[in-house]
Amino acid sequence: MSFVQMRTVPGLFVGRRTLILANVSEEKPGSTAFHCGACDSPIHNAMDKSELRDVVVKCGCGEINQL
């Protein structure tokens, strides 16, 4: 069993949403790839991850990941 760190934030419309932290892997020097914390599928590639500090991405599996 694996444990995933989660944060709960206010939802946009009703209630609250639970976010999963995306997994970070550096495939190329200077480039950062983010993978879904639930299904491990790639969700975003970035050159500078400091710009993506508060970005939230919804994966195709339905989970909401914070980069």
N, C-alpha and C. Protein backbone atom coordinates (compact mmCIF):
# COMPACT_ATOMS: atom_id res chain seq x y z
N MET A 1 0.84 -1.17 0.00
CA MET A 1 0.00 0.00 0.00
C MET A 1 0.89 1.23 0.00
N SER A 2 0.60 2.18 -0.88
CA SER A 2 1.38 3.41 -0.93
C SER A 2 0.55 4.56 -0.39
N PHE A 3 1.20 5.47 0.30
CA PHE A 3 0.53 6.63 0.86
C PHE A 3 0.84 7.84 0.00
N VAL A 4 -0.16 8.66 -0.27
CA VAL A 4 -0.02 9.84 -1.10
C VAL A 4 -0.38 11.05 -0.25
N GLN A 5 0.51 12.04 -0.23
CA GLN A 5 0.25 13.25 0.52
C GLN A 5 -0.86 14.04 -0.15
N MET A 6 -1.85 14.50 0.63
CA MET A 6 -2.99 15.22 0.06
C MET A 6 -3.21 16.54 0.79
N ARG A 7 -3.74 17.50 0.07
CA ARG A 7 -4.14 18.79 0.65
C ARG A 7 -5.58 19.03 0.26
N THR A 8 -6.35 19.61 1.17
CA THR A 8 -7.74 19.93 0.88
C THR A 8 -7.86 21.44 0.76
N VAL A 9 -8.46 21.90 -0.32
CA VAL A 9 -8.62 23.34 -0.58
C VAL A 9 -10.09 23.61 -0.90
N PRO A 10 -10.54 24.86 -0.75
CA PRO A 10 -11.93 25.17 -1.11
C PRO A 10 -12.18 24.91 -2.59
N GLY A 11 -13.32 24.33 -2.91
CA GLY A 11 -13.69 24.08 -4.30
C GLY A 11 -14.19 25.35 -4.96
N LEU A 12 -14.25 25.36 -6.27
CA LEU A 12 -14.68 26.55 -6.99
C LEU A 12 -16.18 26.79 -6.84
N PHE A 13 -16.97 25.74 -6.74
CA PHE A 13 -18.42 25.92 -6.72
C PHE A 13 -19.03 25.49 -5.39
N VAL A 14 -19.00 24.22 -5.09
CA VAL A 14 -19.63 23.72 -3.87
C VAL A 14 -18.66 22.78 -3.16
N GLY A 15 -18.53 22.95 -1.86
CA GLY A 15 -17.72 22.02 -1.08
C GLY A 15 -16.23 22.24 -1.21
N ARG A 16 -15.50 21.18 -0.94
CA ARG A 16 -14.04 21.23 -0.95
C ARG A 16 -13.52 20.13 -1.86
N ARG A 17 -12.33 20.32 -2.36
CA ARG A 17 -11.70 19.33 -3.23
C ARG A 17 -10.40 18.86 -2.57
N THR A 18 -10.09 17.60 -2.75
CA THR A 18 -8.83 17.06 -2.24
C THR A 18 -7.85 16.96 -3.40
N LEU A 19 -6.67 17.56 -3.22
CA LEU A 19 -5.65 17.56 -4.26
C LEU A 19 -4.60 16.51 -3.96
N ILE A 20 -4.09 15.91 -5.01
CA ILE A 20 -2.95 15.00 -4.90
C ILE A 20 -1.73 15.74 -5.43
N LEU A 21 -0.61 15.62 -4.75
CA LEU A 21 0.61 16.26 -5.24
C LEU A 21 1.17 15.44 -6.40
N ALA A 22 1.47 16.12 -7.50
CA ALA A 22 2.01 15.46 -8.69
C ALA A 22 3.45 15.01 -8.42
N ASN A 23 3.83 13.90 -9.02
CA ASN A 23 5.20 13.40 -8.92
C ASN A 23 6.08 14.16 -9.90
N VAL A 24 7.28 14.52 -9.47
CA VAL A 24 8.21 15.28 -10.31
C VAL A 24 9.36 14.38 -10.74
N SER A 25 9.69 14.42 -12.03
CA SER A 25 10.87 13.69 -12.51
C SER A 25 11.55 14.55 -13.56
N GLU A 26 12.87 14.60 -13.49
CA GLU A 26 13.65 15.38 -14.45
C GLU A 26 14.16 14.44 -15.53
N GLU A 27 13.52 14.49 -16.69
CA GLU A 27 13.93 13.62 -17.80
C GLU A 27 15.10 14.21 -18.57
N LYS A 28 15.11 15.52 -18.74
CA LYS A 28 16.19 16.21 -19.44
C LYS A 28 16.74 17.29 -18.52
N PRO A 29 18.01 17.62 -18.63
CA PRO A 29 18.54 18.72 -17.83
C PRO A 29 17.83 20.03 -18.16
N GLY A 30 17.33 20.71 -17.15
CA GLY A 30 16.64 21.98 -17.35
C GLY A 30 15.16 21.85 -17.63
N SER A 31 14.66 20.64 -17.78
CA SER A 31 13.24 20.41 -18.03
C SER A 31 12.68 19.51 -16.94
N THR A 32 11.48 19.81 -16.49
CA THR A 32 10.85 19.04 -15.43
C THR A 32 9.55 18.44 -15.93
N ALA A 33 9.35 17.16 -15.69
CA ALA A 33 8.12 16.48 -16.09
C ALA A 33 7.30 16.17 -14.85
N PHE A 34 6.00 16.37 -14.93
CA PHE A 34 5.10 16.08 -13.83
C PHE A 34 4.22 14.90 -14.21
N HIS A 35 4.05 13.96 -13.28
CA HIS A 35 3.21 12.78 -13.49
C HIS A 35 2.11 12.77 -12.44
N CYS A 36 0.96 12.23 -12.80
CA CYS A 36 -0.19 12.14 -11.89
C CYS A 36 0.21 11.35 -10.65
N GLY A 37 -0.20 11.83 -9.48
CA GLY A 37 0.10 11.14 -8.23
C GLY A 37 -0.70 9.87 -8.04
N ALA A 38 -1.78 9.70 -8.80
CA ALA A 38 -2.62 8.51 -8.66
C ALA A 38 -2.29 7.44 -9.70
N CYS A 39 -2.25 7.81 -10.99
CA CYS A 39 -2.07 6.81 -12.05
C CYS A 39 -0.69 6.87 -12.70
N ASP A 40 0.14 7.86 -12.34
CA ASP A 40 1.52 8.01 -12.83
C ASP A 40 1.60 8.29 -14.33
N SER A 41 0.54 8.81 -14.94
CA SER A 41 0.62 9.20 -16.35
C SER A 41 1.15 10.62 -16.45
N PRO A 42 1.91 10.96 -17.50
CA PRO A 42 2.45 12.32 -17.64
C PRO A 42 1.34 13.34 -17.83
N ILE A 43 1.42 14.46 -17.07
CA ILE A 43 0.38 15.48 -17.19
C ILE A 43 0.92 16.84 -17.64
N HIS A 44 2.23 17.10 -17.45
CA HIS A 44 2.75 18.41 -17.85
C HIS A 44 4.28 18.37 -17.89
N ASN A 45 4.87 19.12 -18.83
CA ASN A 45 6.31 19.34 -18.90
C ASN A 45 6.56 20.83 -18.76
N ALA A 46 7.60 21.19 -18.02
CA ALA A 46 7.88 22.61 -17.80
C ALA A 46 9.38 22.85 -17.81
N MET A 47 9.76 24.05 -18.25
CA MET A 47 11.17 24.43 -18.22
C MET A 47 11.55 24.98 -16.85
N ASP A 48 10.65 25.73 -16.22
CA ASP A 48 10.92 26.33 -14.91
C ASP A 48 9.75 26.02 -13.99
N LYS A 49 9.98 25.16 -12.99
CA LYS A 49 8.86 24.75 -12.15
C LYS A 49 8.50 25.80 -11.10
N SER A 50 9.30 26.85 -10.92
CA SER A 50 8.94 27.90 -9.95
C SER A 50 7.71 28.68 -10.41
N GLU A 51 7.46 28.73 -11.73
CA GLU A 51 6.26 29.42 -12.23
C GLU A 51 5.00 28.62 -11.95
N LEU A 52 5.12 27.33 -11.71
CA LEU A 52 3.98 26.44 -11.55
C LEU A 52 3.70 26.10 -10.09
N ARG A 53 4.09 26.96 -9.19
CA ARG A 53 3.98 26.68 -7.76
C ARG A 53 2.54 26.45 -7.31
N ASP A 54 1.58 27.19 -7.85
CA ASP A 54 0.18 27.09 -7.42
C ASP A 54 -0.74 26.61 -8.53
N VAL A 55 -0.21 25.86 -9.49
CA VAL A 55 -1.01 25.39 -10.62
C VAL A 55 -1.64 24.04 -10.27
N VAL A 56 -2.92 23.88 -10.64
CA VAL A 56 -3.65 22.64 -10.42
C VAL A 56 -4.06 22.09 -11.78
N VAL A 57 -3.81 20.79 -12.02
CA VAL A 57 -4.11 20.15 -13.30
C VAL A 57 -4.98 18.92 -13.04
N LYS A 58 -6.05 18.78 -13.83
CA LYS A 58 -6.90 17.59 -13.72
C LYS A 58 -6.41 16.55 -14.72
N CYS A 59 -6.11 15.37 -14.22
CA CYS A 59 -5.61 14.27 -15.05
C CYS A 59 -6.78 13.60 -15.77
N GLY A 60 -6.47 12.82 -16.78
CA GLY A 60 -7.49 12.07 -17.50
C GLY A 60 -8.18 11.02 -16.64
N CYS A 61 -7.53 10.58 -15.55
CA CYS A 61 -8.14 9.60 -14.66
C CYS A 61 -9.16 10.23 -13.72
N GLY A 62 -9.22 11.58 -13.71
CA GLY A 62 -10.20 12.28 -12.88
C GLY A 62 -9.63 12.89 -11.62
N GLU A 63 -8.38 12.57 -11.26
CA GLU A 63 -7.77 13.14 -10.07
C GLU A 63 -7.27 14.55 -10.35
N ILE A 64 -7.27 15.40 -9.32
CA ILE A 64 -6.80 16.78 -9.43
C ILE A 64 -5.43 16.84 -8.78
N ASN A 65 -4.41 17.22 -9.55
CA ASN A 65 -3.02 17.24 -9.10
C ASN A 65 -2.53 18.67 -8.93
N GLN A 66 -1.80 18.92 -7.84
CA GLN A 66 -1.12 20.20 -7.67
C GLN A 66 0.33 20.02 -8.08
N LEU A 67 0.81 20.90 -8.97
CA LEU A 67 2.19 20.80 -9.45
C LEU A 67 3.14 21.39 -8.45
